[in-house]
N, C-alpha and C. Protein backbone atom coordinates (compact mmCIF):
# COMPACT_ATOMS: atom_id res chain seq x y z
N MET A 1 29.98 31.71 -4.81
CA MET A 1 29.87 31.41 -3.38
C MET A 1 30.47 30.04 -3.10
N SER A 2 31.23 29.90 -2.06
CA SER A 2 31.81 28.59 -1.74
C SER A 2 30.86 27.80 -0.87
N ALA A 3 30.89 26.49 -1.05
CA ALA A 3 30.02 25.61 -0.28
C ALA A 3 30.58 25.44 1.13
N VAL A 4 29.70 25.44 2.11
CA VAL A 4 30.12 25.26 3.48
C VAL A 4 29.23 24.23 4.14
N LEU A 5 29.83 23.19 4.70
CA LEU A 5 29.09 22.22 5.48
C LEU A 5 29.38 22.47 6.94
N CYS A 6 28.34 22.37 7.77
CA CYS A 6 28.55 22.57 9.19
C CYS A 6 27.59 21.71 9.97
N ASN A 7 27.68 21.82 11.33
CA ASN A 7 26.79 21.07 12.21
C ASN A 7 26.74 19.60 11.84
N ALA A 8 27.94 18.97 11.78
CA ALA A 8 28.05 17.54 11.49
C ALA A 8 27.37 17.18 10.18
N GLN A 9 27.55 18.05 9.20
CA GLN A 9 27.04 17.80 7.85
C GLN A 9 25.52 17.73 7.79
N ASP A 10 24.84 18.54 8.63
CA ASP A 10 23.38 18.55 8.55
C ASP A 10 22.86 19.85 7.95
N SER A 11 23.77 20.73 7.49
CA SER A 11 23.33 21.94 6.81
C SER A 11 24.31 22.27 5.69
N PHE A 12 23.82 23.05 4.73
CA PHE A 12 24.63 23.38 3.56
C PHE A 12 24.34 24.80 3.15
N ASP A 13 25.40 25.60 3.05
CA ASP A 13 25.25 27.00 2.68
C ASP A 13 25.80 27.16 1.27
N GLY A 14 24.90 27.25 0.28
CA GLY A 14 25.35 27.37 -1.10
C GLY A 14 24.21 27.13 -2.07
N THR A 15 24.50 27.31 -3.35
CA THR A 15 23.53 27.07 -4.41
C THR A 15 23.83 25.73 -5.07
N ILE A 16 23.02 25.38 -6.06
CA ILE A 16 23.28 24.13 -6.77
C ILE A 16 24.65 24.13 -7.43
N ASP A 17 25.14 25.31 -7.77
CA ASP A 17 26.48 25.40 -8.37
C ASP A 17 27.57 24.94 -7.41
N ASP A 18 27.29 25.04 -6.11
CA ASP A 18 28.28 24.66 -5.10
C ASP A 18 28.20 23.19 -4.70
N VAL A 19 27.12 22.53 -5.06
CA VAL A 19 26.94 21.13 -4.67
C VAL A 19 27.97 20.27 -5.38
N ALA A 20 28.76 19.52 -4.58
CA ALA A 20 29.85 18.74 -5.17
C ALA A 20 29.87 17.27 -4.74
N THR A 21 29.03 16.89 -3.77
CA THR A 21 29.00 15.51 -3.31
C THR A 21 27.56 15.06 -3.15
N SER A 22 27.36 13.76 -3.04
CA SER A 22 26.01 13.23 -2.85
C SER A 22 25.44 13.68 -1.51
N GLU A 23 26.30 13.78 -0.48
CA GLU A 23 25.84 14.22 0.83
C GLU A 23 25.34 15.66 0.76
N GLN A 24 26.10 16.52 0.08
CA GLN A 24 25.68 17.91 -0.08
C GLN A 24 24.38 17.99 -0.88
N ALA A 25 24.25 17.16 -1.89
CA ALA A 25 23.04 17.16 -2.72
C ALA A 25 21.81 16.84 -1.88
N LYS A 26 21.93 15.82 -1.04
CA LYS A 26 20.78 15.41 -0.23
C LYS A 26 20.41 16.47 0.80
N ILE A 27 21.42 17.12 1.38
CA ILE A 27 21.15 18.20 2.33
C ILE A 27 20.53 19.39 1.61
N PHE A 28 21.08 19.74 0.45
CA PHE A 28 20.55 20.86 -0.34
C PHE A 28 19.08 20.63 -0.69
N ILE A 29 18.75 19.42 -1.11
CA ILE A 29 17.36 19.09 -1.46
C ILE A 29 16.45 19.23 -0.25
N LYS A 30 16.91 18.75 0.89
CA LYS A 30 16.10 18.81 2.11
C LYS A 30 15.87 20.25 2.55
N GLN A 31 16.88 21.11 2.36
CA GLN A 31 16.77 22.50 2.80
C GLN A 31 16.01 23.38 1.82
N ASN A 32 15.86 22.93 0.58
CA ASN A 32 15.21 23.75 -0.46
C ASN A 32 14.05 22.99 -1.09
N LYS A 33 13.05 22.70 -0.26
CA LYS A 33 11.92 21.89 -0.72
C LYS A 33 11.15 22.55 -1.86
N ASP A 34 11.20 23.87 -1.94
CA ASP A 34 10.47 24.57 -2.99
C ASP A 34 11.06 24.28 -4.38
N LEU A 35 12.29 23.79 -4.43
CA LEU A 35 12.93 23.49 -5.71
C LEU A 35 12.62 22.08 -6.21
N LYS A 36 11.85 21.33 -5.41
CA LYS A 36 11.45 19.96 -5.80
C LYS A 36 12.66 19.14 -6.26
N GLY A 37 13.71 19.22 -5.46
CA GLY A 37 14.94 18.55 -5.82
C GLY A 37 14.87 17.03 -5.72
N LYS A 38 15.65 16.38 -6.55
CA LYS A 38 15.77 14.92 -6.51
C LYS A 38 17.22 14.54 -6.76
N TYR A 39 17.61 13.42 -6.16
CA TYR A 39 18.96 12.88 -6.34
C TYR A 39 18.84 11.53 -7.04
N PHE A 40 19.59 11.35 -8.11
CA PHE A 40 19.52 10.12 -8.89
C PHE A 40 20.91 9.51 -9.05
N VAL A 41 20.92 8.19 -9.23
CA VAL A 41 22.11 7.50 -9.75
C VAL A 41 21.69 6.85 -11.06
N PHE A 42 22.29 7.29 -12.15
CA PHE A 42 22.00 6.72 -13.47
C PHE A 42 23.02 5.63 -13.77
N ASN A 43 22.53 4.51 -14.24
CA ASN A 43 23.35 3.36 -14.60
C ASN A 43 23.32 3.21 -16.11
N LYS A 44 24.48 3.18 -16.75
CA LYS A 44 24.54 3.19 -18.21
C LYS A 44 23.91 1.95 -18.83
N GLU A 45 23.87 0.86 -18.06
CA GLU A 45 23.28 -0.38 -18.57
C GLU A 45 21.75 -0.33 -18.50
N LYS A 46 21.22 0.33 -17.48
CA LYS A 46 19.78 0.32 -17.24
C LYS A 46 19.07 1.52 -17.86
N HIS A 47 19.74 2.66 -17.90
CA HIS A 47 19.08 3.90 -18.31
C HIS A 47 19.50 4.28 -19.72
N ASN A 48 18.55 4.16 -20.64
CA ASN A 48 18.85 4.40 -22.06
C ASN A 48 18.03 5.52 -22.66
N THR A 49 17.46 6.38 -21.82
CA THR A 49 16.66 7.49 -22.33
C THR A 49 17.57 8.53 -22.98
N THR A 50 16.97 9.40 -23.77
CA THR A 50 17.73 10.49 -24.40
C THR A 50 18.40 11.36 -23.34
N LEU A 51 17.64 11.66 -22.27
CA LEU A 51 18.20 12.46 -21.18
C LEU A 51 19.42 11.79 -20.58
N ALA A 52 19.30 10.50 -20.26
CA ALA A 52 20.41 9.79 -19.63
C ALA A 52 21.65 9.80 -20.53
N LYS A 53 21.44 9.58 -21.82
CA LYS A 53 22.57 9.57 -22.75
C LYS A 53 23.26 10.93 -22.80
N GLU A 54 22.47 12.00 -22.76
CA GLU A 54 23.05 13.35 -22.76
C GLU A 54 23.84 13.60 -21.48
N LEU A 55 23.30 13.15 -20.36
CA LEU A 55 23.98 13.37 -19.08
C LEU A 55 25.29 12.59 -19.00
N PHE A 56 25.31 11.38 -19.55
CA PHE A 56 26.54 10.59 -19.52
C PHE A 56 27.66 11.24 -20.34
N GLU A 57 27.29 12.08 -21.29
CA GLU A 57 28.29 12.75 -22.12
C GLU A 57 28.92 13.96 -21.42
N MET A 58 28.31 14.37 -20.31
CA MET A 58 28.78 15.58 -19.63
C MET A 58 29.85 15.27 -18.59
N PRO A 59 30.79 16.19 -18.37
CA PRO A 59 31.81 15.99 -17.33
C PRO A 59 31.25 16.29 -15.94
N VAL A 60 31.93 15.82 -14.93
CA VAL A 60 31.55 16.09 -13.55
C VAL A 60 31.58 17.60 -13.29
N GLY A 61 30.53 18.08 -12.62
CA GLY A 61 30.44 19.50 -12.30
C GLY A 61 29.64 20.31 -13.30
N ARG A 62 29.38 19.73 -14.47
CA ARG A 62 28.62 20.45 -15.51
C ARG A 62 27.12 20.32 -15.26
N SER A 63 26.38 21.34 -15.64
CA SER A 63 24.92 21.35 -15.51
C SER A 63 24.25 21.45 -16.87
N LYS A 64 23.06 20.90 -16.96
CA LYS A 64 22.25 21.01 -18.17
C LYS A 64 20.89 21.56 -17.78
N VAL A 65 20.42 22.55 -18.52
CA VAL A 65 19.18 23.25 -18.17
C VAL A 65 18.14 23.05 -19.26
N TYR A 66 16.93 22.72 -18.83
CA TYR A 66 15.78 22.62 -19.74
C TYR A 66 14.75 23.65 -19.27
N GLU A 67 14.24 24.44 -20.21
CA GLU A 67 13.27 25.47 -19.86
C GLU A 67 12.01 25.34 -20.70
N ASN A 68 10.88 25.66 -20.08
CA ASN A 68 9.63 25.85 -20.81
C ASN A 68 8.94 27.07 -20.23
N GLU A 69 7.71 27.30 -20.63
CA GLU A 69 7.04 28.54 -20.19
C GLU A 69 6.68 28.52 -18.72
N PHE A 70 6.75 27.36 -18.09
CA PHE A 70 6.32 27.25 -16.69
C PHE A 70 7.48 27.15 -15.70
N ASN A 71 8.57 26.51 -16.10
CA ASN A 71 9.65 26.31 -15.14
C ASN A 71 11.00 26.06 -15.82
N LYS A 72 12.02 26.04 -15.00
CA LYS A 72 13.38 25.72 -15.45
C LYS A 72 13.88 24.53 -14.63
N THR A 73 14.32 23.50 -15.33
CA THR A 73 14.83 22.30 -14.66
C THR A 73 16.32 22.17 -14.92
N THR A 74 17.07 21.99 -13.84
CA THR A 74 18.52 21.88 -13.94
C THR A 74 18.98 20.51 -13.46
N TYR A 75 19.83 19.88 -14.26
CA TYR A 75 20.48 18.62 -13.87
C TYR A 75 21.97 18.90 -13.73
N LYS A 76 22.56 18.49 -12.62
CA LYS A 76 24.00 18.68 -12.43
C LYS A 76 24.67 17.34 -12.14
N ILE A 77 25.80 17.10 -12.82
CA ILE A 77 26.56 15.87 -12.61
C ILE A 77 27.46 16.05 -11.39
N ILE A 78 27.23 15.23 -10.37
CA ILE A 78 27.99 15.33 -9.13
C ILE A 78 29.21 14.41 -9.15
N ASP A 79 29.03 13.22 -9.71
CA ASP A 79 30.13 12.26 -9.72
C ASP A 79 29.94 11.30 -10.88
N LYS A 80 31.04 10.74 -11.35
CA LYS A 80 31.01 9.76 -12.43
C LYS A 80 32.05 8.69 -12.09
N HIS A 81 31.64 7.44 -12.14
CA HIS A 81 32.56 6.36 -11.77
C HIS A 81 32.07 5.04 -12.37
N GLU A 82 32.88 4.02 -12.25
CA GLU A 82 32.48 2.68 -12.67
C GLU A 82 32.29 1.81 -11.44
N THR A 83 31.23 1.00 -11.46
CA THR A 83 30.95 0.05 -10.39
C THR A 83 30.86 -1.34 -11.01
N THR A 84 31.49 -2.32 -10.38
CA THR A 84 31.44 -3.69 -10.90
C THR A 84 30.12 -4.34 -10.51
N TYR A 85 29.41 -4.82 -11.50
CA TYR A 85 28.13 -5.50 -11.30
C TYR A 85 28.27 -6.98 -11.63
N TYR A 86 27.34 -7.75 -11.08
CA TYR A 86 27.33 -9.20 -11.25
C TYR A 86 25.94 -9.64 -11.70
N ARG A 87 25.89 -10.81 -12.34
CA ARG A 87 24.59 -11.27 -12.82
C ARG A 87 24.54 -12.80 -12.84
N ALA A 88 23.40 -13.32 -12.46
CA ALA A 88 23.19 -14.77 -12.45
C ALA A 88 21.69 -15.04 -12.50
N SER A 89 21.35 -16.30 -12.60
CA SER A 89 19.96 -16.74 -12.44
C SER A 89 19.97 -17.83 -11.38
N TYR A 90 18.85 -17.99 -10.70
CA TYR A 90 18.85 -18.99 -9.63
C TYR A 90 17.48 -19.63 -9.44
N ILE A 91 17.53 -20.82 -8.87
CA ILE A 91 16.34 -21.51 -8.38
C ILE A 91 16.41 -21.47 -6.86
N PHE A 92 15.35 -20.97 -6.24
CA PHE A 92 15.31 -20.89 -4.78
C PHE A 92 14.44 -22.02 -4.24
N ILE A 93 14.99 -22.74 -3.27
CA ILE A 93 14.25 -23.83 -2.63
C ILE A 93 14.13 -23.54 -1.15
N ASP A 94 12.91 -23.55 -0.65
CA ASP A 94 12.66 -23.48 0.79
C ASP A 94 12.43 -24.91 1.26
N SER A 95 13.37 -25.41 2.06
CA SER A 95 13.32 -26.84 2.42
C SER A 95 12.51 -27.12 3.68
N GLU A 96 11.84 -26.10 4.20
CA GLU A 96 11.00 -26.35 5.38
C GLU A 96 9.92 -27.37 4.99
N GLY A 97 9.82 -28.44 5.75
CA GLY A 97 8.86 -29.49 5.42
C GLY A 97 9.44 -30.60 4.57
N LEU A 98 10.67 -30.41 4.08
CA LEU A 98 11.35 -31.45 3.31
C LEU A 98 12.41 -32.12 4.18
N ASP A 99 12.49 -33.45 4.11
CA ASP A 99 13.60 -34.10 4.81
C ASP A 99 14.84 -34.06 3.91
N GLU A 100 15.96 -34.44 4.46
CA GLU A 100 17.23 -34.34 3.72
C GLU A 100 17.22 -35.18 2.46
N THR A 101 16.56 -36.32 2.52
CA THR A 101 16.51 -37.20 1.34
C THR A 101 15.73 -36.54 0.21
N ASP A 102 14.58 -35.95 0.54
CA ASP A 102 13.77 -35.29 -0.48
C ASP A 102 14.49 -34.08 -1.07
N LEU A 103 15.18 -33.33 -0.21
CA LEU A 103 15.92 -32.16 -0.67
C LEU A 103 17.04 -32.59 -1.61
N LYS A 104 17.78 -33.61 -1.23
CA LYS A 104 18.87 -34.10 -2.07
C LYS A 104 18.34 -34.59 -3.41
N ARG A 105 17.22 -35.29 -3.38
CA ARG A 105 16.63 -35.81 -4.62
C ARG A 105 16.18 -34.67 -5.53
N LEU A 106 15.60 -33.62 -4.93
CA LEU A 106 15.14 -32.47 -5.71
C LEU A 106 16.32 -31.78 -6.39
N LYS A 107 17.39 -31.56 -5.64
CA LYS A 107 18.59 -30.94 -6.22
C LYS A 107 19.14 -31.79 -7.36
N GLN A 108 19.21 -33.09 -7.15
CA GLN A 108 19.75 -33.98 -8.17
C GLN A 108 18.89 -33.95 -9.43
N THR A 109 17.58 -33.87 -9.25
CA THR A 109 16.67 -33.81 -10.39
C THR A 109 16.93 -32.56 -11.22
N ILE A 110 17.07 -31.43 -10.54
CA ILE A 110 17.32 -30.16 -11.24
C ILE A 110 18.65 -30.21 -11.99
N TYR A 111 19.69 -30.67 -11.32
CA TYR A 111 21.01 -30.77 -11.97
C TYR A 111 20.95 -31.70 -13.17
N SER A 112 20.29 -32.83 -13.00
CA SER A 112 20.21 -33.83 -14.07
C SER A 112 19.49 -33.27 -15.29
N LYS A 113 18.37 -32.61 -15.07
CA LYS A 113 17.60 -32.06 -16.20
C LYS A 113 18.38 -30.96 -16.91
N PHE A 114 19.10 -30.15 -16.13
CA PHE A 114 19.90 -29.09 -16.75
C PHE A 114 21.02 -29.70 -17.60
N ASN A 115 21.70 -30.69 -17.05
CA ASN A 115 22.81 -31.32 -17.76
C ASN A 115 22.34 -32.08 -19.00
N GLN A 116 21.06 -32.44 -19.02
CA GLN A 116 20.49 -33.11 -20.19
C GLN A 116 20.03 -32.13 -21.26
N GLY A 117 20.18 -30.83 -20.97
CA GLY A 117 19.88 -29.83 -21.97
C GLY A 117 18.61 -29.03 -21.76
N GLN A 118 17.91 -29.26 -20.64
CA GLN A 118 16.69 -28.49 -20.40
C GLN A 118 17.07 -27.05 -20.05
N HIS A 119 16.32 -26.09 -20.61
CA HIS A 119 16.62 -24.68 -20.36
C HIS A 119 16.44 -24.35 -18.88
N PHE A 120 17.38 -23.57 -18.36
CA PHE A 120 17.33 -23.22 -16.94
C PHE A 120 16.07 -22.43 -16.63
N ASN A 121 15.65 -21.58 -17.54
CA ASN A 121 14.44 -20.80 -17.34
C ASN A 121 13.23 -21.70 -17.10
N ASP A 122 13.15 -22.81 -17.84
CA ASP A 122 12.05 -23.76 -17.65
C ASP A 122 12.13 -24.42 -16.28
N LEU A 123 13.34 -24.72 -15.85
CA LEU A 123 13.51 -25.33 -14.53
C LEU A 123 13.15 -24.34 -13.42
N VAL A 124 13.49 -23.08 -13.63
CA VAL A 124 13.12 -22.04 -12.66
C VAL A 124 11.60 -21.98 -12.52
N GLN A 125 10.91 -21.93 -13.65
CA GLN A 125 9.45 -21.83 -13.63
C GLN A 125 8.82 -23.01 -12.89
N ARG A 126 9.44 -24.16 -12.99
CA ARG A 126 8.86 -25.36 -12.38
C ARG A 126 9.23 -25.52 -10.91
N TYR A 127 10.47 -25.19 -10.56
CA TYR A 127 10.95 -25.57 -9.23
C TYR A 127 11.19 -24.40 -8.26
N SER A 128 11.43 -23.19 -8.76
CA SER A 128 11.79 -22.11 -7.85
C SER A 128 10.61 -21.68 -6.99
N MET A 129 10.91 -21.30 -5.75
CA MET A 129 9.86 -21.04 -4.77
C MET A 129 9.80 -19.58 -4.33
N ASP A 130 10.35 -18.66 -5.11
CA ASP A 130 10.18 -17.25 -4.76
C ASP A 130 9.65 -16.48 -5.97
N LYS A 131 9.29 -15.23 -5.74
CA LYS A 131 8.61 -14.45 -6.78
C LYS A 131 9.51 -14.14 -7.96
N ASN A 132 10.82 -14.26 -7.78
CA ASN A 132 11.74 -13.99 -8.89
C ASN A 132 11.64 -15.05 -9.98
N ALA A 133 10.91 -16.11 -9.71
CA ALA A 133 10.70 -17.15 -10.73
C ALA A 133 10.02 -16.57 -11.96
N SER A 134 9.19 -15.55 -11.77
CA SER A 134 8.48 -14.94 -12.90
C SER A 134 9.44 -14.23 -13.85
N ARG A 135 10.65 -13.96 -13.40
CA ARG A 135 11.69 -13.35 -14.24
C ARG A 135 12.71 -14.38 -14.71
N GLY A 136 12.35 -15.63 -14.59
CA GLY A 136 13.29 -16.67 -14.98
C GLY A 136 14.44 -16.82 -14.01
N GLY A 137 14.25 -16.29 -12.79
CA GLY A 137 15.30 -16.37 -11.78
C GLY A 137 16.43 -15.38 -11.99
N ASP A 138 16.30 -14.49 -12.96
CA ASP A 138 17.37 -13.54 -13.29
C ASP A 138 17.54 -12.51 -12.18
N THR A 139 18.77 -12.34 -11.71
CA THR A 139 19.02 -11.33 -10.68
C THR A 139 19.06 -9.93 -11.26
N GLY A 140 19.24 -9.81 -12.59
CA GLY A 140 19.58 -8.52 -13.17
C GLY A 140 20.99 -8.17 -12.73
N TRP A 141 21.52 -7.07 -13.24
CA TRP A 141 22.85 -6.63 -12.80
C TRP A 141 22.75 -6.12 -11.37
N PHE A 142 23.57 -6.63 -10.46
CA PHE A 142 23.46 -6.23 -9.06
C PHE A 142 24.85 -6.02 -8.46
N ILE A 143 24.86 -5.32 -7.33
CA ILE A 143 26.07 -5.10 -6.54
C ILE A 143 25.85 -5.70 -5.17
N ASN A 144 26.88 -5.68 -4.34
CA ASN A 144 26.75 -6.27 -3.01
C ASN A 144 25.68 -5.54 -2.21
N GLY A 145 25.01 -6.30 -1.35
CA GLY A 145 23.94 -5.75 -0.53
C GLY A 145 22.56 -6.03 -1.08
N LYS A 146 22.49 -6.71 -2.23
CA LYS A 146 21.20 -6.97 -2.86
C LYS A 146 20.74 -8.42 -2.71
N MET A 147 21.65 -9.30 -2.32
CA MET A 147 21.34 -10.72 -2.19
C MET A 147 21.77 -11.19 -0.80
N PRO A 148 21.29 -12.37 -0.35
CA PRO A 148 21.78 -12.90 0.93
C PRO A 148 23.30 -12.97 0.93
N ILE A 149 23.91 -12.68 2.07
CA ILE A 149 25.36 -12.56 2.13
C ILE A 149 26.06 -13.84 1.70
N GLU A 150 25.44 -15.00 1.99
CA GLU A 150 26.06 -16.26 1.59
C GLU A 150 26.10 -16.42 0.08
N VAL A 151 25.06 -15.92 -0.59
CA VAL A 151 25.02 -15.97 -2.05
C VAL A 151 26.04 -14.99 -2.63
N GLU A 152 26.09 -13.80 -2.06
CA GLU A 152 27.06 -12.81 -2.54
C GLU A 152 28.49 -13.28 -2.34
N GLU A 153 28.73 -14.01 -1.27
CA GLU A 153 30.08 -14.53 -1.01
C GLU A 153 30.56 -15.35 -2.21
N GLU A 154 29.66 -16.14 -2.79
CA GLU A 154 30.03 -16.97 -3.94
C GLU A 154 30.02 -16.19 -5.25
N LEU A 155 29.01 -15.35 -5.42
CA LEU A 155 28.87 -14.64 -6.70
C LEU A 155 29.84 -13.47 -6.85
N ILE A 156 30.26 -12.90 -5.73
CA ILE A 156 31.14 -11.73 -5.80
C ILE A 156 32.57 -12.09 -5.38
N LYS A 157 32.75 -12.49 -4.14
CA LYS A 157 34.11 -12.75 -3.66
C LYS A 157 34.74 -13.97 -4.34
N ASN A 158 33.92 -14.99 -4.60
CA ASN A 158 34.46 -16.22 -5.19
C ASN A 158 34.04 -16.39 -6.64
N ASN A 159 33.74 -15.28 -7.31
CA ASN A 159 33.21 -15.35 -8.67
C ASN A 159 34.10 -16.14 -9.62
N LYS A 160 35.41 -15.97 -9.47
CA LYS A 160 36.35 -16.64 -10.39
C LYS A 160 36.34 -18.16 -10.22
N ASN A 161 35.78 -18.64 -9.11
CA ASN A 161 35.73 -20.09 -8.89
C ASN A 161 34.59 -20.76 -9.65
N HIS A 162 33.73 -19.95 -10.25
CA HIS A 162 32.56 -20.49 -10.94
C HIS A 162 32.61 -20.14 -12.42
N TYR A 163 32.15 -21.07 -13.23
CA TYR A 163 32.23 -20.92 -14.68
C TYR A 163 30.88 -20.49 -15.26
N LEU A 164 30.95 -19.76 -16.37
CA LEU A 164 29.73 -19.36 -17.06
C LEU A 164 28.91 -20.58 -17.45
N ASN A 165 27.58 -20.43 -17.26
CA ASN A 165 26.63 -21.46 -17.68
C ASN A 165 26.85 -22.80 -17.00
N LYS A 166 27.43 -22.76 -15.79
CA LYS A 166 27.57 -23.95 -14.96
C LYS A 166 26.84 -23.71 -13.64
N LEU A 167 26.22 -24.77 -13.13
CA LEU A 167 25.46 -24.65 -11.89
C LEU A 167 26.36 -24.82 -10.67
N PHE A 168 26.00 -24.12 -9.60
CA PHE A 168 26.56 -24.39 -8.28
C PHE A 168 25.49 -24.10 -7.24
N THR A 169 25.69 -24.62 -6.04
CA THR A 169 24.67 -24.53 -5.00
C THR A 169 25.19 -23.76 -3.79
N VAL A 170 24.32 -22.92 -3.24
CA VAL A 170 24.60 -22.24 -1.97
C VAL A 170 23.50 -22.63 -1.00
N ASP A 171 23.89 -23.23 0.12
CA ASP A 171 22.92 -23.65 1.14
C ASP A 171 23.02 -22.74 2.35
N ILE A 172 21.86 -22.34 2.87
CA ILE A 172 21.78 -21.57 4.11
C ILE A 172 20.88 -22.38 5.04
N PRO A 173 21.39 -23.45 5.63
CA PRO A 173 20.56 -24.42 6.35
C PRO A 173 19.80 -23.85 7.53
N GLU A 174 20.38 -22.85 8.21
CA GLU A 174 19.69 -22.30 9.38
C GLU A 174 18.39 -21.60 9.00
N LYS A 175 18.24 -21.24 7.73
CA LYS A 175 17.01 -20.61 7.24
C LYS A 175 16.20 -21.54 6.34
N ASN A 176 16.73 -22.74 6.10
CA ASN A 176 16.11 -23.68 5.15
C ASN A 176 16.08 -23.13 3.73
N TRP A 177 17.07 -22.30 3.41
CA TRP A 177 17.14 -21.71 2.07
C TRP A 177 18.25 -22.39 1.28
N HIS A 178 17.95 -22.64 0.01
CA HIS A 178 18.92 -23.29 -0.87
C HIS A 178 18.81 -22.65 -2.25
N TYR A 179 19.96 -22.28 -2.79
CA TYR A 179 20.01 -21.62 -4.10
C TYR A 179 20.81 -22.48 -5.07
N ILE A 180 20.18 -22.85 -6.18
CA ILE A 180 20.90 -23.47 -7.28
C ILE A 180 21.13 -22.36 -8.30
N ILE A 181 22.38 -22.02 -8.51
CA ILE A 181 22.72 -20.78 -9.22
C ILE A 181 23.41 -21.07 -10.54
N LEU A 182 23.02 -20.32 -11.56
CA LEU A 182 23.64 -20.37 -12.87
C LEU A 182 24.33 -19.03 -13.12
N LYS A 183 25.64 -19.05 -13.23
CA LYS A 183 26.39 -17.82 -13.54
C LYS A 183 26.17 -17.50 -15.01
N THR A 184 25.50 -16.39 -15.30
CA THR A 184 25.11 -16.06 -16.67
C THR A 184 25.98 -14.99 -17.32
N GLU A 185 26.72 -14.23 -16.50
CA GLU A 185 27.57 -13.16 -17.03
C GLU A 185 28.85 -13.08 -16.21
N GLU A 186 29.93 -12.67 -16.86
CA GLU A 186 31.14 -12.34 -16.12
C GLU A 186 30.95 -10.97 -15.45
N PRO A 187 31.69 -10.70 -14.37
CA PRO A 187 31.59 -9.37 -13.74
C PRO A 187 31.80 -8.27 -14.77
N LYS A 188 31.02 -7.20 -14.63
CA LYS A 188 31.05 -6.14 -15.65
C LYS A 188 31.15 -4.76 -15.00
N PRO A 189 32.19 -3.99 -15.31
CA PRO A 189 32.25 -2.61 -14.83
C PRO A 189 31.23 -1.77 -15.62
N ILE A 190 30.33 -1.11 -14.91
CA ILE A 190 29.28 -0.31 -15.54
C ILE A 190 29.40 1.13 -15.06
N GLU A 191 29.40 2.05 -16.01
CA GLU A 191 29.53 3.46 -15.67
C GLU A 191 28.26 3.98 -15.00
N GLU A 192 28.44 4.76 -13.96
CA GLU A 192 27.33 5.38 -13.25
C GLU A 192 27.61 6.87 -13.06
N ILE A 193 26.54 7.64 -13.00
CA ILE A 193 26.67 9.06 -12.67
C ILE A 193 25.69 9.40 -11.55
N GLN A 194 26.13 10.28 -10.66
CA GLN A 194 25.26 10.82 -9.62
C GLN A 194 24.79 12.19 -10.07
N VAL A 195 23.49 12.40 -9.99
CA VAL A 195 22.88 13.61 -10.55
C VAL A 195 21.94 14.25 -9.54
N ILE A 196 21.99 15.57 -9.42
CA ILE A 196 20.98 16.31 -8.68
C ILE A 196 20.12 17.06 -9.68
N LYS A 197 18.82 17.05 -9.43
CA LYS A 197 17.86 17.74 -10.30
C LYS A 197 17.04 18.71 -9.45
N ILE A 198 16.89 19.94 -9.94
CA ILE A 198 15.99 20.89 -9.29
C ILE A 198 15.09 21.52 -10.33
N THR A 199 13.91 21.94 -9.89
CA THR A 199 12.95 22.59 -10.78
C THR A 199 12.50 23.91 -10.16
N GLU A 200 12.73 24.99 -10.88
CA GLU A 200 12.37 26.33 -10.41
C GLU A 200 11.19 26.84 -11.23
N ALA A 201 10.11 27.19 -10.54
CA ALA A 201 8.92 27.71 -11.23
C ALA A 201 9.11 29.17 -11.58
N TYR A 202 8.55 29.57 -12.72
CA TYR A 202 8.60 30.98 -13.13
C TYR A 202 7.42 31.73 -12.54
């Protein structure tokens, strides 16, 4: 059966075998609630399960079926591509209540301690003012849309202007936000797959 999209892509006439795009997958899942469908994006850097490794070995369009006495679960690869990810660590400063002199002094203190050999993670624990401090300020691998646009401008568009393990600062004065950033990784293309999963009860 061939897949047919109609009504401005709000309906889908076909089976899981016909699903070929993420949009079709989401519509198919919505229209077939009894199949308990789910749509996933697997990232090769983050997902290291046996299932994920098996799925990454499959070509686009191929399905893998797991069966037990109660149900049949099907995973289908919809798309496979590489996405460039970025990674850094940062200290976040909220300068509300600080005058310019105190803010400048605080930044200088952090830079000075780092340049003297103090671990950035220790500086994050001491000075950072957001919840990411518990992770040592690590952003994890991220793509655009995950950080304030001013930070992304430097980490993504201007990435080549910054050196590994060197600090730079991004100020967002209208919000009283200030980021002291350590570039910890070069941009990295990471393989991703889009997967639809359905479960059919026996």
